[in-house]
N, C-alpha and C. Protein backbone atom coordinates (compact mmCIF):
# COMPACT_ATOMS: atom_id res chain seq x y z
N MET A 1 0.73 -1.16 0.05
CA MET A 1 -0.15 0.05 0.01
C MET A 1 0.81 1.30 -0.09
N THR A 2 2.05 1.14 0.72
CA THR A 2 2.98 2.35 0.82
C THR A 2 3.28 2.70 -0.51
N GLY A 3 3.64 1.81 -1.59
CA GLY A 3 4.04 1.93 -2.85
C GLY A 3 3.06 2.54 -3.62
N GLY A 4 1.99 2.35 -3.31
CA GLY A 4 0.68 2.86 -4.25
C GLY A 4 0.66 4.25 -3.90
N ARG A 5 0.79 4.60 -2.65
CA ARG A 5 0.53 5.94 -2.13
C ARG A 5 1.76 6.78 -2.66
N GLU A 6 3.03 6.18 -2.68
CA GLU A 6 4.15 6.93 -3.09
C GLU A 6 4.09 7.25 -4.66
N GLY A 7 3.54 6.32 -5.34
CA GLY A 7 3.25 6.46 -6.76
C GLY A 7 2.25 7.60 -7.05
N ARG A 8 1.36 7.54 -6.09
CA ARG A 8 0.12 8.65 -6.35
C ARG A 8 0.84 10.05 -6.18
N ASP A 9 1.56 10.14 -4.99
CA ASP A 9 2.23 11.37 -4.71
C ASP A 9 3.15 11.93 -5.80
N ARG A 10 3.83 11.03 -6.38
CA ARG A 10 4.65 11.42 -7.62
C ARG A 10 3.87 11.94 -8.63
N ILE A 11 2.67 11.29 -9.01
CA ILE A 11 2.00 11.75 -10.09
C ILE A 11 1.58 13.09 -9.80
N LEU A 12 0.93 13.32 -8.50
CA LEU A 12 0.31 14.61 -8.41
C LEU A 12 1.38 15.68 -8.22
N GLU A 13 2.61 15.27 -7.78
CA GLU A 13 3.58 16.43 -7.83
C GLU A 13 4.08 16.73 -9.22
N ARG A 14 4.14 15.87 -10.23
CA ARG A 14 4.42 16.23 -11.59
C ARG A 14 3.21 17.01 -12.06
N ILE A 15 1.96 16.87 -11.85
CA ILE A 15 0.93 17.55 -12.37
C ILE A 15 1.12 19.15 -11.70
N ARG A 16 1.48 19.17 -10.49
CA ARG A 16 1.62 20.40 -9.70
C ARG A 16 2.67 21.20 -10.47
N SER A 17 3.57 20.41 -10.67
CA SER A 17 4.96 21.18 -11.33
C SER A 17 4.71 21.64 -12.51
N ALA A 18 4.06 20.88 -13.41
CA ALA A 18 3.53 21.30 -14.95
C ALA A 18 2.67 22.49 -14.72
N ASN A 19 1.88 22.51 -13.85
CA ASN A 19 0.84 23.66 -13.72
C ASN A 19 1.52 25.13 -13.24
N ARG A 20 2.69 24.93 -12.56
CA ARG A 20 3.29 26.19 -12.14
C ARG A 20 3.91 27.01 -13.00
N GLY A 21 4.25 26.38 -14.09
CA GLY A 21 4.85 27.06 -15.41
C GLY A 21 3.91 27.60 -16.35
N ARG A 22 2.58 27.52 -16.09
CA ARG A 22 1.65 27.77 -17.10
C ARG A 22 0.81 29.13 -16.79
N GLU A 23 0.68 29.87 -17.55
CA GLU A 23 -0.13 31.12 -17.45
C GLU A 23 -1.54 30.71 -17.39
N PRO A 24 -2.25 31.48 -16.24
CA PRO A 24 -3.78 31.06 -16.18
C PRO A 24 -4.45 31.59 -17.21
N LEU A 25 -5.53 30.84 -17.79
CA LEU A 25 -6.17 31.40 -18.89
C LEU A 25 -7.62 32.05 -18.36
N GLY A 26 -7.99 32.95 -18.75
CA GLY A 26 -9.42 33.63 -18.31
C GLY A 26 -10.43 32.99 -19.05
N HIS A 27 -11.72 33.08 -18.38
CA HIS A 27 -12.81 32.53 -18.86
C HIS A 27 -12.98 33.26 -20.39
N PRO A 28 -13.46 32.39 -21.35
CA PRO A 28 -13.62 33.07 -22.66
C PRO A 28 -14.86 33.98 -22.81
N GLY A 29 -15.61 33.92 -21.80
CA GLY A 29 -16.75 34.69 -21.94
C GLY A 29 -18.07 34.45 -22.88
N ASP A 30 -18.99 35.08 -23.26
CA ASP A 30 -20.04 34.60 -24.17
C ASP A 30 -19.56 34.65 -25.59
N PHE A 31 -19.87 33.52 -26.19
CA PHE A 31 -19.24 33.29 -27.76
C PHE A 31 -20.42 33.88 -28.63
N GLY A 32 -20.80 35.25 -28.28
CA GLY A 32 -21.87 36.07 -29.10
C GLY A 32 -21.40 36.17 -30.49
N SER A 33 -20.29 35.84 -30.84
CA SER A 33 -19.81 36.17 -32.40
C SER A 33 -20.09 34.99 -33.16
N TRP A 34 -20.36 33.68 -32.59
CA TRP A 34 -20.73 32.52 -33.30
C TRP A 34 -21.85 32.89 -34.25
N PRO A 35 -21.64 32.52 -35.60
CA PRO A 35 -22.92 32.77 -36.42
C PRO A 35 -23.90 31.89 -36.30
N ALA A 36 -25.20 32.40 -36.40
CA ALA A 36 -26.48 31.70 -35.98
C ALA A 36 -26.74 30.60 -37.14
N ILE A 37 -27.16 29.50 -36.75
CA ILE A 37 -27.80 28.48 -37.63
C ILE A 37 -28.90 29.09 -38.48
N GLY A 38 -29.03 29.11 -39.85
CA GLY A 38 -29.94 29.66 -40.51
C GLY A 38 -29.56 31.15 -41.13
N SER A 39 -28.24 31.36 -40.86
CA SER A 39 -27.71 32.65 -41.49
C SER A 39 -26.64 32.30 -42.48
N PRO A 40 -26.42 33.11 -43.53
CA PRO A 40 -25.33 32.69 -44.53
C PRO A 40 -23.98 32.62 -43.87
N ALA A 41 -23.82 33.32 -42.62
CA ALA A 41 -22.45 33.44 -42.04
C ALA A 41 -21.99 32.14 -41.45
N ALA A 42 -23.03 31.29 -41.49
CA ALA A 42 -22.84 29.89 -40.92
C ALA A 42 -22.11 28.85 -41.73
N GLY A 43 -22.11 29.47 -43.04
CA GLY A 43 -21.07 28.70 -43.83
C GLY A 43 -22.09 27.99 -45.17
N PRO A 44 -21.40 27.54 -46.04
CA PRO A 44 -22.20 26.82 -47.12
C PRO A 44 -23.12 25.77 -46.65
N GLY A 45 -24.30 25.93 -47.16
CA GLY A 45 -25.32 24.90 -46.94
C GLY A 45 -25.86 25.03 -45.42
N ARG A 46 -25.73 26.20 -44.86
CA ARG A 46 -26.09 26.17 -43.38
C ARG A 46 -27.26 27.29 -43.45
N THR A 47 -27.97 27.55 -44.27
CA THR A 47 -28.94 28.44 -44.35
C THR A 47 -30.34 27.76 -43.87
N SER A 48 -30.35 26.66 -43.50
CA SER A 48 -31.59 25.99 -43.11
C SER A 48 -31.84 26.20 -41.71
N GLY A 49 -33.14 25.98 -41.35
CA GLY A 49 -33.52 26.16 -39.85
C GLY A 49 -32.91 24.97 -39.04
N PRO A 50 -33.17 25.41 -37.70
CA PRO A 50 -32.54 24.36 -36.76
C PRO A 50 -33.22 22.97 -36.90
N VAL A 51 -34.46 22.77 -37.28
CA VAL A 51 -34.89 21.58 -37.35
C VAL A 51 -34.34 20.63 -38.44
N ASP A 52 -34.18 21.28 -39.57
CA ASP A 52 -33.44 20.54 -40.65
C ASP A 52 -32.03 20.20 -40.26
N VAL A 53 -31.31 21.23 -39.71
CA VAL A 53 -30.04 20.95 -39.36
C VAL A 53 -29.86 19.84 -38.33
N PHE A 54 -30.77 19.92 -37.34
CA PHE A 54 -30.81 18.92 -36.28
C PHE A 54 -30.99 17.40 -36.98
N VAL A 55 -32.01 17.42 -37.91
CA VAL A 55 -32.11 16.15 -38.54
C VAL A 55 -30.84 15.61 -39.38
N GLU A 56 -30.27 16.49 -39.92
CA GLU A 56 -28.99 16.24 -40.77
C GLU A 56 -28.13 15.54 -39.89
N HIS A 57 -27.70 16.27 -38.74
CA HIS A 57 -26.67 15.77 -37.85
C HIS A 57 -27.05 14.46 -37.21
N PHE A 58 -28.32 14.51 -36.59
CA PHE A 58 -28.73 13.45 -35.77
C PHE A 58 -28.88 12.06 -36.69
N THR A 59 -29.19 12.07 -37.95
CA THR A 59 -29.29 11.04 -38.85
C THR A 59 -27.82 10.64 -39.23
N ALA A 60 -26.91 11.69 -39.37
CA ALA A 60 -25.54 11.25 -39.78
C ALA A 60 -24.91 10.45 -38.50
N ALA A 61 -25.23 10.77 -37.38
CA ALA A 61 -24.67 9.97 -36.17
C ALA A 61 -25.29 8.50 -35.99
N GLY A 62 -26.36 8.18 -36.86
CA GLY A 62 -26.98 6.85 -36.65
C GLY A 62 -28.20 6.93 -36.16
N GLY A 63 -28.77 8.26 -35.66
CA GLY A 63 -29.98 8.17 -35.14
C GLY A 63 -31.13 8.13 -36.29
N GLU A 64 -32.35 8.01 -35.94
CA GLU A 64 -33.58 7.84 -36.77
C GLU A 64 -34.64 8.97 -36.29
N VAL A 65 -35.17 9.63 -37.39
CA VAL A 65 -36.13 10.65 -37.11
C VAL A 65 -37.48 10.27 -37.65
N ALA A 66 -38.60 10.52 -37.02
CA ALA A 66 -39.86 10.51 -37.47
C ALA A 66 -40.66 11.89 -37.23
N ARG A 67 -41.35 12.50 -38.26
CA ARG A 67 -41.91 13.64 -38.06
C ARG A 67 -43.34 13.72 -38.07
N VAL A 68 -44.17 14.05 -37.21
CA VAL A 68 -45.60 14.19 -37.14
C VAL A 68 -46.14 15.54 -36.87
N SER A 69 -47.38 15.66 -37.23
CA SER A 69 -47.82 16.95 -37.17
C SER A 69 -48.33 17.63 -35.72
N ASP A 70 -48.83 16.66 -35.05
CA ASP A 70 -49.26 16.98 -33.65
C ASP A 70 -49.47 15.76 -32.80
N ALA A 71 -49.90 16.28 -31.51
CA ALA A 71 -50.06 15.03 -30.50
C ALA A 71 -51.11 13.81 -30.95
N THR A 72 -51.89 14.13 -31.58
CA THR A 72 -52.77 13.05 -32.18
C THR A 72 -51.97 12.17 -33.07
N ALA A 73 -51.35 12.63 -34.10
CA ALA A 73 -50.46 11.90 -34.96
C ALA A 73 -49.31 11.26 -34.24
N ALA A 74 -48.65 11.76 -33.21
CA ALA A 74 -47.75 11.22 -32.42
C ALA A 74 -48.21 9.99 -31.56
N ALA A 75 -49.37 10.07 -31.19
CA ALA A 75 -50.06 8.73 -30.50
C ALA A 75 -50.26 7.77 -31.43
N THR A 76 -50.65 8.09 -32.73
CA THR A 76 -50.88 7.14 -33.72
C THR A 76 -49.53 6.36 -34.24
N TRP A 77 -48.48 7.32 -34.21
CA TRP A 77 -47.28 6.72 -34.81
C TRP A 77 -46.69 5.78 -33.64
N LEU A 78 -46.75 6.40 -32.33
CA LEU A 78 -46.33 5.50 -31.31
C LEU A 78 -46.96 4.12 -31.23
N ARG A 79 -48.34 4.16 -31.34
CA ARG A 79 -49.24 2.92 -31.20
C ARG A 79 -48.64 2.00 -32.29
N SER A 80 -48.49 2.56 -33.56
CA SER A 80 -47.80 1.56 -34.62
C SER A 80 -46.55 1.12 -34.39
N PHE A 81 -45.74 1.76 -33.88
CA PHE A 81 -44.33 1.52 -33.74
C PHE A 81 -44.15 0.34 -32.75
N CYS A 82 -44.88 0.65 -31.59
CA CYS A 82 -44.67 -0.27 -30.40
C CYS A 82 -45.50 -1.61 -30.54
N ALA A 83 -46.45 -1.50 -31.67
CA ALA A 83 -47.37 -2.71 -31.77
C ALA A 83 -46.62 -4.02 -31.61
N PRO A 84 -45.29 -4.17 -32.29
CA PRO A 84 -44.83 -5.53 -32.11
C PRO A 84 -43.86 -5.82 -30.93
N ALA A 85 -43.86 -4.70 -30.05
CA ALA A 85 -42.99 -4.96 -28.90
C ALA A 85 -43.82 -5.62 -27.75
N GLY A 86 -43.12 -6.50 -27.04
CA GLY A 86 -43.76 -7.21 -26.02
C GLY A 86 -44.01 -6.42 -24.75
N ALA A 87 -43.29 -5.50 -24.56
CA ALA A 87 -43.31 -4.68 -23.33
C ALA A 87 -42.77 -3.17 -23.52
N ILE A 88 -43.20 -2.21 -22.86
CA ILE A 88 -42.66 -0.99 -23.13
C ILE A 88 -42.25 -0.27 -21.80
N ALA A 89 -41.36 0.70 -21.66
CA ALA A 89 -41.18 1.56 -20.55
C ALA A 89 -41.53 3.02 -20.91
N VAL A 90 -41.89 3.88 -20.02
CA VAL A 90 -42.37 5.06 -20.24
C VAL A 90 -41.66 6.09 -19.23
N GLY A 91 -41.24 7.08 -19.76
CA GLY A 91 -40.60 8.10 -18.89
C GLY A 91 -41.57 8.95 -18.24
N ARG A 92 -41.39 9.70 -17.26
CA ARG A 92 -42.31 10.51 -16.47
C ARG A 92 -42.87 11.53 -17.18
N GLY A 93 -42.17 12.19 -18.15
CA GLY A 93 -42.55 13.28 -18.74
C GLY A 93 -43.46 12.89 -20.01
N VAL A 94 -43.76 11.79 -20.41
CA VAL A 94 -44.48 11.50 -21.56
C VAL A 94 -45.92 11.71 -21.20
N PRO A 95 -46.63 12.54 -22.09
CA PRO A 95 -47.98 12.70 -21.69
C PRO A 95 -48.72 11.50 -21.77
N THR A 96 -49.69 11.21 -20.77
CA THR A 96 -50.42 9.89 -20.63
C THR A 96 -51.34 9.43 -21.80
N ASP A 97 -51.91 10.54 -22.45
CA ASP A 97 -52.80 10.17 -23.72
C ASP A 97 -51.94 9.80 -24.82
N LEU A 98 -50.61 9.85 -24.83
CA LEU A 98 -49.66 9.36 -25.77
C LEU A 98 -49.22 8.03 -25.67
N VAL A 99 -49.45 7.37 -24.51
CA VAL A 99 -48.75 6.14 -24.13
C VAL A 99 -49.47 4.98 -24.92
N PRO A 100 -48.73 4.14 -25.75
CA PRO A 100 -49.45 3.00 -26.33
C PRO A 100 -50.02 1.89 -25.37
N ASP A 101 -51.14 1.36 -25.92
CA ASP A 101 -51.60 0.16 -24.94
C ASP A 101 -50.74 -0.97 -25.08
N ARG A 102 -49.73 -1.03 -24.31
CA ARG A 102 -48.81 -2.10 -24.29
C ARG A 102 -48.35 -2.33 -22.81
N PRO A 103 -48.00 -3.64 -22.62
CA PRO A 103 -47.58 -3.84 -21.24
C PRO A 103 -46.48 -2.90 -20.67
N LEU A 104 -46.67 -2.31 -19.55
CA LEU A 104 -45.69 -1.37 -18.98
C LEU A 104 -44.66 -2.19 -18.03
N VAL A 105 -43.39 -2.21 -18.18
CA VAL A 105 -42.44 -2.89 -17.21
C VAL A 105 -41.26 -2.00 -17.08
N ASP A 106 -40.40 -2.42 -16.08
CA ASP A 106 -39.21 -1.65 -15.86
C ASP A 106 -38.24 -1.54 -17.33
N ALA A 107 -37.65 -0.52 -17.46
CA ALA A 107 -36.80 -0.42 -18.47
C ALA A 107 -35.84 -1.46 -18.76
N ALA A 108 -35.40 -2.17 -17.78
CA ALA A 108 -34.47 -3.18 -18.10
C ALA A 108 -35.17 -4.42 -18.76
N GLU A 109 -36.42 -4.53 -18.69
CA GLU A 109 -37.20 -5.69 -19.23
C GLU A 109 -37.94 -5.18 -20.49
N ALA A 110 -37.80 -3.99 -20.97
CA ALA A 110 -38.74 -3.52 -21.98
C ALA A 110 -38.12 -3.75 -23.28
N ASP A 111 -38.85 -3.77 -24.27
CA ASP A 111 -38.35 -3.86 -25.82
C ASP A 111 -38.16 -2.44 -26.38
N VAL A 112 -38.95 -1.40 -25.76
CA VAL A 112 -38.99 -0.11 -26.27
C VAL A 112 -39.20 0.73 -25.17
N ALA A 113 -38.47 1.81 -25.08
CA ALA A 113 -38.61 2.94 -23.99
C ALA A 113 -38.90 4.15 -24.74
N ILE A 114 -39.90 4.92 -24.05
CA ILE A 114 -40.20 6.12 -24.71
C ILE A 114 -40.08 7.21 -23.59
N SER A 115 -39.16 8.31 -24.01
CA SER A 115 -38.96 9.50 -23.05
C SER A 115 -39.35 10.75 -23.70
N ALA A 116 -39.49 11.82 -22.88
CA ALA A 116 -39.71 13.23 -23.23
C ALA A 116 -38.34 13.88 -23.32
N GLY A 117 -38.10 14.54 -24.34
CA GLY A 117 -36.87 15.45 -24.41
C GLY A 117 -37.10 16.83 -23.96
N ARG A 118 -36.00 17.36 -23.39
CA ARG A 118 -36.12 18.78 -22.81
C ARG A 118 -35.90 19.83 -23.97
N ALA A 119 -34.96 19.33 -24.76
CA ALA A 119 -34.63 20.10 -25.98
C ALA A 119 -33.69 19.31 -26.93
N GLY A 120 -33.75 20.04 -28.20
CA GLY A 120 -32.91 19.35 -29.28
C GLY A 120 -31.61 20.45 -29.70
N ILE A 121 -30.57 20.01 -29.99
CA ILE A 121 -29.41 20.91 -30.24
C ILE A 121 -29.16 20.68 -31.85
N ALA A 122 -29.45 21.70 -32.67
CA ALA A 122 -29.09 21.53 -34.17
C ALA A 122 -27.72 21.43 -34.46
N GLU A 123 -26.77 22.01 -33.93
CA GLU A 123 -25.36 22.29 -34.37
C GLU A 123 -24.78 20.76 -34.08
N THR A 124 -25.15 19.95 -33.20
CA THR A 124 -24.65 18.72 -32.95
C THR A 124 -25.53 17.53 -33.12
N GLY A 125 -26.83 17.83 -33.52
CA GLY A 125 -27.72 16.81 -33.66
C GLY A 125 -27.93 15.88 -32.47
N SER A 126 -28.15 16.67 -31.15
CA SER A 126 -28.07 15.97 -29.95
C SER A 126 -29.53 16.38 -29.41
N LEU A 127 -29.90 15.32 -28.36
CA LEU A 127 -31.14 15.52 -27.60
C LEU A 127 -30.76 15.61 -26.17
N LEU A 128 -31.08 16.78 -25.61
CA LEU A 128 -31.11 17.11 -24.01
C LEU A 128 -32.14 16.30 -23.24
N LEU A 129 -31.68 15.52 -22.59
CA LEU A 129 -32.70 14.73 -21.66
C LEU A 129 -32.50 14.97 -20.14
N ASP A 130 -33.61 14.97 -19.62
CA ASP A 130 -33.61 15.41 -18.18
C ASP A 130 -33.74 14.02 -17.50
N ALA A 131 -32.90 13.94 -16.29
CA ALA A 131 -32.82 13.01 -15.30
C ALA A 131 -34.06 12.69 -14.65
N ARG A 132 -34.99 13.70 -14.43
CA ARG A 132 -36.21 13.23 -13.79
C ARG A 132 -37.19 12.57 -14.58
N ASP A 133 -36.95 12.55 -15.97
CA ASP A 133 -37.88 11.74 -16.86
C ASP A 133 -37.64 10.08 -16.55
N GLY A 134 -36.43 9.92 -15.97
CA GLY A 134 -35.95 8.31 -15.70
C GLY A 134 -34.89 8.10 -16.54
N ARG A 135 -33.65 8.01 -15.80
CA ARG A 135 -32.36 7.78 -16.42
C ARG A 135 -32.45 6.09 -16.94
N ARG A 136 -33.19 5.29 -16.18
CA ARG A 136 -33.37 4.01 -16.60
C ARG A 136 -33.94 3.75 -17.96
N THR A 137 -35.16 4.51 -18.19
CA THR A 137 -35.79 4.54 -19.39
C THR A 137 -35.09 5.03 -20.49
N GLN A 138 -34.04 6.05 -20.31
CA GLN A 138 -33.23 6.55 -21.27
C GLN A 138 -32.19 5.75 -21.71
N LEU A 139 -31.84 4.72 -20.82
CA LEU A 139 -30.48 3.96 -21.15
C LEU A 139 -30.56 2.39 -21.12
N LEU A 140 -31.71 2.00 -20.75
CA LEU A 140 -31.45 0.38 -20.37
C LEU A 140 -32.33 -0.45 -21.76
N ALA A 141 -33.30 0.20 -22.30
CA ALA A 141 -34.04 -0.57 -23.44
C ALA A 141 -33.15 -0.54 -24.65
N PRO A 142 -33.30 -1.61 -25.50
CA PRO A 142 -32.64 -1.55 -26.75
C PRO A 142 -32.85 -0.72 -27.69
N THR A 143 -34.14 -0.25 -27.78
CA THR A 143 -34.75 0.75 -28.59
C THR A 143 -35.46 1.90 -27.87
N HIS A 144 -34.88 3.09 -28.06
CA HIS A 144 -35.26 4.35 -27.33
C HIS A 144 -35.89 5.28 -28.34
N VAL A 145 -37.27 5.80 -27.94
CA VAL A 145 -37.94 6.80 -28.72
C VAL A 145 -37.97 8.15 -27.76
N VAL A 146 -37.58 9.02 -28.43
CA VAL A 146 -37.55 10.33 -27.62
C VAL A 146 -38.54 11.38 -28.28
N LEU A 147 -39.57 11.67 -27.56
CA LEU A 147 -40.60 12.51 -28.05
C LEU A 147 -40.23 14.07 -27.77
N LEU A 148 -40.06 14.78 -28.93
CA LEU A 148 -39.79 16.10 -28.83
C LEU A 148 -40.55 17.12 -29.75
N GLU A 149 -40.92 18.20 -29.06
CA GLU A 149 -41.66 19.38 -29.96
C GLU A 149 -40.63 20.03 -30.83
N GLU A 150 -40.97 20.19 -31.96
CA GLU A 150 -39.89 20.78 -32.90
C GLU A 150 -39.59 22.25 -32.36
N VAL A 151 -40.65 23.03 -31.66
CA VAL A 151 -40.31 24.24 -31.17
C VAL A 151 -39.13 24.28 -30.24
N ARG A 152 -38.78 23.17 -29.49
CA ARG A 152 -37.82 22.93 -28.58
C ARG A 152 -36.38 22.61 -29.25
N ILE A 153 -36.25 22.55 -30.68
CA ILE A 153 -35.04 22.34 -31.04
C ILE A 153 -34.44 23.63 -31.38
N LEU A 154 -33.26 23.86 -30.76
CA LEU A 154 -32.62 25.29 -30.79
C LEU A 154 -31.30 25.21 -31.64
N PRO A 155 -30.68 26.32 -32.14
CA PRO A 155 -29.47 26.11 -32.80
C PRO A 155 -28.19 25.68 -32.25
N THR A 156 -27.99 26.15 -30.88
CA THR A 156 -26.81 25.73 -30.26
C THR A 156 -26.97 25.13 -29.01
N LEU A 157 -25.83 24.49 -28.54
CA LEU A 157 -25.86 23.95 -26.91
C LEU A 157 -26.17 25.22 -26.10
N ARG A 158 -25.49 26.20 -26.43
CA ARG A 158 -25.69 27.37 -25.45
C ARG A 158 -27.12 27.69 -25.30
N ASP A 159 -27.96 27.84 -26.54
CA ASP A 159 -29.25 28.01 -26.39
C ASP A 159 -30.09 27.07 -25.81
N ALA A 160 -29.70 25.88 -25.84
CA ALA A 160 -30.57 24.76 -25.16
C ALA A 160 -30.08 24.72 -23.69
N LEU A 161 -28.86 24.95 -23.19
CA LEU A 161 -28.70 25.28 -21.84
C LEU A 161 -29.38 26.37 -21.33
N ARG A 162 -29.52 27.54 -22.01
CA ARG A 162 -30.26 28.62 -21.41
C ARG A 162 -31.86 28.38 -21.35
N SER A 163 -32.14 27.49 -22.29
CA SER A 163 -33.65 27.29 -22.29
C SER A 163 -34.14 26.67 -21.02
N VAL A 164 -33.20 25.87 -20.43
CA VAL A 164 -33.56 25.07 -19.22
C VAL A 164 -32.85 25.64 -17.91
N ALA A 165 -32.09 26.72 -18.01
CA ALA A 165 -31.43 27.03 -16.74
C ALA A 165 -32.24 27.48 -15.62
N ASP A 166 -33.54 27.82 -15.73
CA ASP A 166 -34.24 28.20 -14.65
C ASP A 166 -34.99 26.96 -13.86
N ASP A 167 -34.66 25.84 -14.63
CA ASP A 167 -35.22 24.61 -13.91
C ASP A 167 -34.27 23.43 -14.24
N LEU A 168 -33.21 23.35 -13.59
CA LEU A 168 -32.19 22.24 -13.83
C LEU A 168 -32.53 21.18 -12.87
N SER A 169 -32.27 19.80 -13.33
CA SER A 169 -32.44 18.66 -12.63
C SER A 169 -30.95 18.23 -12.16
N ALA A 170 -30.77 17.33 -11.42
CA ALA A 170 -29.52 16.87 -11.08
C ALA A 170 -28.60 16.33 -12.10
N ALA A 171 -29.16 16.12 -13.23
CA ALA A 171 -28.23 15.56 -14.22
C ALA A 171 -29.11 15.78 -15.51
N LEU A 172 -28.40 16.11 -16.65
CA LEU A 172 -28.85 16.34 -18.00
C LEU A 172 -27.94 15.48 -18.96
N GLY A 173 -28.51 14.88 -19.88
CA GLY A 173 -27.87 13.94 -20.73
C GLY A 173 -27.76 14.47 -22.05
N LEU A 174 -26.83 14.35 -22.86
CA LEU A 174 -26.68 14.72 -24.40
C LEU A 174 -26.58 13.51 -24.96
N HIS A 175 -27.64 12.97 -25.82
CA HIS A 175 -27.62 11.83 -26.58
C HIS A 175 -27.63 12.12 -28.20
N SER A 176 -26.61 11.80 -28.70
CA SER A 176 -26.47 12.07 -30.14
C SER A 176 -26.34 10.74 -30.85
N GLY A 177 -27.34 9.96 -31.22
CA GLY A 177 -27.52 8.84 -32.01
C GLY A 177 -27.34 7.66 -30.98
N PRO A 178 -27.46 6.57 -31.49
CA PRO A 178 -27.45 5.30 -30.72
C PRO A 178 -26.17 5.06 -30.01
N SER A 179 -26.07 4.26 -28.94
CA SER A 179 -24.88 4.16 -28.22
C SER A 179 -23.74 3.44 -29.02
N LYS A 180 -22.47 3.89 -28.94
CA LYS A 180 -21.51 3.21 -29.68
C LYS A 180 -20.14 3.00 -28.94
N SER A 181 -19.39 2.13 -29.23
CA SER A 181 -17.98 1.93 -28.77
C SER A 181 -17.15 1.33 -29.71
N ALA A 182 -15.96 1.73 -29.81
CA ALA A 182 -14.79 1.12 -30.66
C ALA A 182 -13.47 0.77 -29.73
N ASP A 183 -13.91 0.61 -28.47
CA ASP A 183 -12.78 0.28 -27.50
C ASP A 183 -11.96 -1.00 -27.74
N ILE A 184 -12.64 -1.97 -28.39
CA ILE A 184 -12.00 -3.21 -28.52
C ILE A 184 -11.79 -3.54 -29.91
N GLY A 185 -10.39 -3.56 -30.41
CA GLY A 185 -10.01 -3.79 -31.74
C GLY A 185 -10.35 -2.68 -32.65
N GLN A 186 -10.53 -1.52 -32.04
CA GLN A 186 -11.02 -0.48 -33.04
C GLN A 186 -12.31 -0.85 -33.99
N VAL A 187 -13.04 -1.64 -33.47
CA VAL A 187 -14.39 -2.05 -34.39
C VAL A 187 -15.58 -1.33 -33.65
N MET A 188 -16.02 -0.58 -34.54
CA MET A 188 -17.35 -0.01 -34.09
C MET A 188 -18.51 -0.86 -33.74
N VAL A 189 -19.11 -0.83 -32.66
CA VAL A 189 -20.18 -1.66 -32.24
C VAL A 189 -21.23 -0.79 -31.53
N GLU A 190 -22.51 -1.00 -31.99
CA GLU A 190 -23.64 -0.13 -31.33
C GLU A 190 -24.37 -0.81 -30.37
N GLY A 191 -24.87 -0.21 -29.43
CA GLY A 191 -25.76 -0.63 -28.32
C GLY A 191 -25.03 -1.32 -27.19
N VAL A 192 -23.74 -0.88 -27.13
CA VAL A 192 -23.01 -1.50 -25.97
C VAL A 192 -23.39 -0.98 -24.70
N HIS A 193 -23.26 0.34 -24.51
CA HIS A 193 -23.46 1.05 -23.37
C HIS A 193 -24.92 1.66 -23.27
N GLY A 194 -25.71 1.30 -23.96
CA GLY A 194 -26.95 1.95 -24.06
C GLY A 194 -27.96 1.48 -25.15
N PRO A 195 -28.98 2.10 -25.70
CA PRO A 195 -29.82 1.68 -26.61
C PRO A 195 -29.10 1.57 -27.87
N GLY A 196 -29.27 0.51 -28.82
CA GLY A 196 -28.71 0.40 -30.00
C GLY A 196 -29.38 1.03 -31.18
N ARG A 197 -30.70 1.51 -30.73
CA ARG A 197 -31.47 2.09 -31.67
C ARG A 197 -32.12 3.43 -30.97
N LEU A 198 -31.96 4.66 -31.75
CA LEU A 198 -32.50 5.87 -30.98
C LEU A 198 -33.23 6.56 -32.11
N VAL A 199 -34.53 6.91 -31.67
CA VAL A 199 -35.52 7.44 -32.71
C VAL A 199 -36.04 8.76 -32.11
N ALA A 200 -35.74 9.86 -32.81
CA ALA A 200 -36.45 11.20 -32.31
C ALA A 200 -37.71 11.28 -33.10
N LEU A 201 -38.70 11.40 -32.11
CA LEU A 201 -40.23 11.57 -32.69
C LEU A 201 -40.34 13.14 -32.63
N LEU A 202 -40.40 13.84 -33.79
CA LEU A 202 -40.50 15.28 -33.72
C LEU A 202 -42.09 15.63 -33.94
N VAL A 203 -42.62 16.44 -33.03
CA VAL A 203 -43.97 16.85 -33.18
C VAL A 203 -44.12 18.35 -33.41
N GLY A 204 -44.93 18.63 -34.47
CA GLY A 204 -45.05 19.87 -35.04
C GLY A 204 -45.59 20.77 -34.08
N GLU A 205 -46.61 20.44 -33.28
CA GLU A 205 -47.43 21.23 -32.33
C GLU A 205 -46.88 20.81 -31.08
N PRO A 206 -46.75 21.62 -29.87
CA PRO A 206 -46.36 21.30 -28.54
C PRO A 206 -47.48 20.28 -27.91
N THR A 207 -46.96 19.32 -27.21
CA THR A 207 -47.86 18.37 -26.43
C THR A 207 -47.71 18.73 -24.92
N ARG A 208 -46.73 19.71 -24.73
CA ARG A 208 -46.77 20.25 -23.26
C ARG A 208 -46.61 21.81 -23.29
N GLU A 209 -46.86 22.43 -22.28
CA GLU A 209 -46.45 23.87 -21.94
C GLU A 209 -45.03 24.07 -22.25
N PRO A 210 -44.56 24.91 -22.71
CA PRO A 210 -43.18 25.45 -22.87
C PRO A 210 -42.56 25.43 -21.33
N GLY A 211 -41.38 24.81 -21.24
CA GLY A 211 -40.84 24.49 -19.98
C GLY A 211 -41.06 23.59 -19.10
N GLU A 212 -42.30 22.81 -19.35
CA GLU A 212 -42.94 21.76 -18.50
C GLU A 212 -42.01 20.66 -18.67
N VAL A 213 -41.93 20.13 -17.35
CA VAL A 213 -41.25 18.67 -17.34
C VAL A 213 -41.73 18.06 -16.40
N ALA A 214 -41.18 16.60 -16.15
CA ALA A 214 -41.81 15.61 -15.23
C ALA A 214 -41.40 16.31 -13.84
N PRO A 215 -42.09 15.89 -12.88
CA PRO A 215 -42.06 16.31 -11.39
C PRO A 215 -40.78 15.46 -10.88
């Protein structure tokens, strides 16, 4: 044990020594000069709105997107999508009138899990998920469907974080496509640390009041 502590002390001292010779860096401040998505300054091919840019980036990372007009259409889509599933798990933020008539089980036993997203981030194609909706629902089922109103898709990560700043949970997750890992043999494998299939169900009309989340 003594050798272990000595090794730890040597490593920490090397880190301290390296830091002593470095000039401290100030906080960069607000990146207000970043070009907005949807403006020509954002670059070639970047004049599309946030929803289109989100879809482009999300699908490029292996995610799937379904777009429906309103809550009624969302309920119909979910009912059809979940029909082959033996059982489902549902997050706390999903409106009850959208939940398909399938057996409800813990996410570890579910074929499909349905969550409610807090926001979408266009520049990275990411879904911002709230821990209060249920982390097990977000991570354990092999197929994960995230319900998200299109109005909640914002241009940048900064915009998304600002939109939830007044109502933060203990944890927020950024989900950009299905779970992936290439740790072993540099071979990409999906579904190793989470769902192997991630579907964003984008709804044209809000199903909840702006800012509303699960208790």
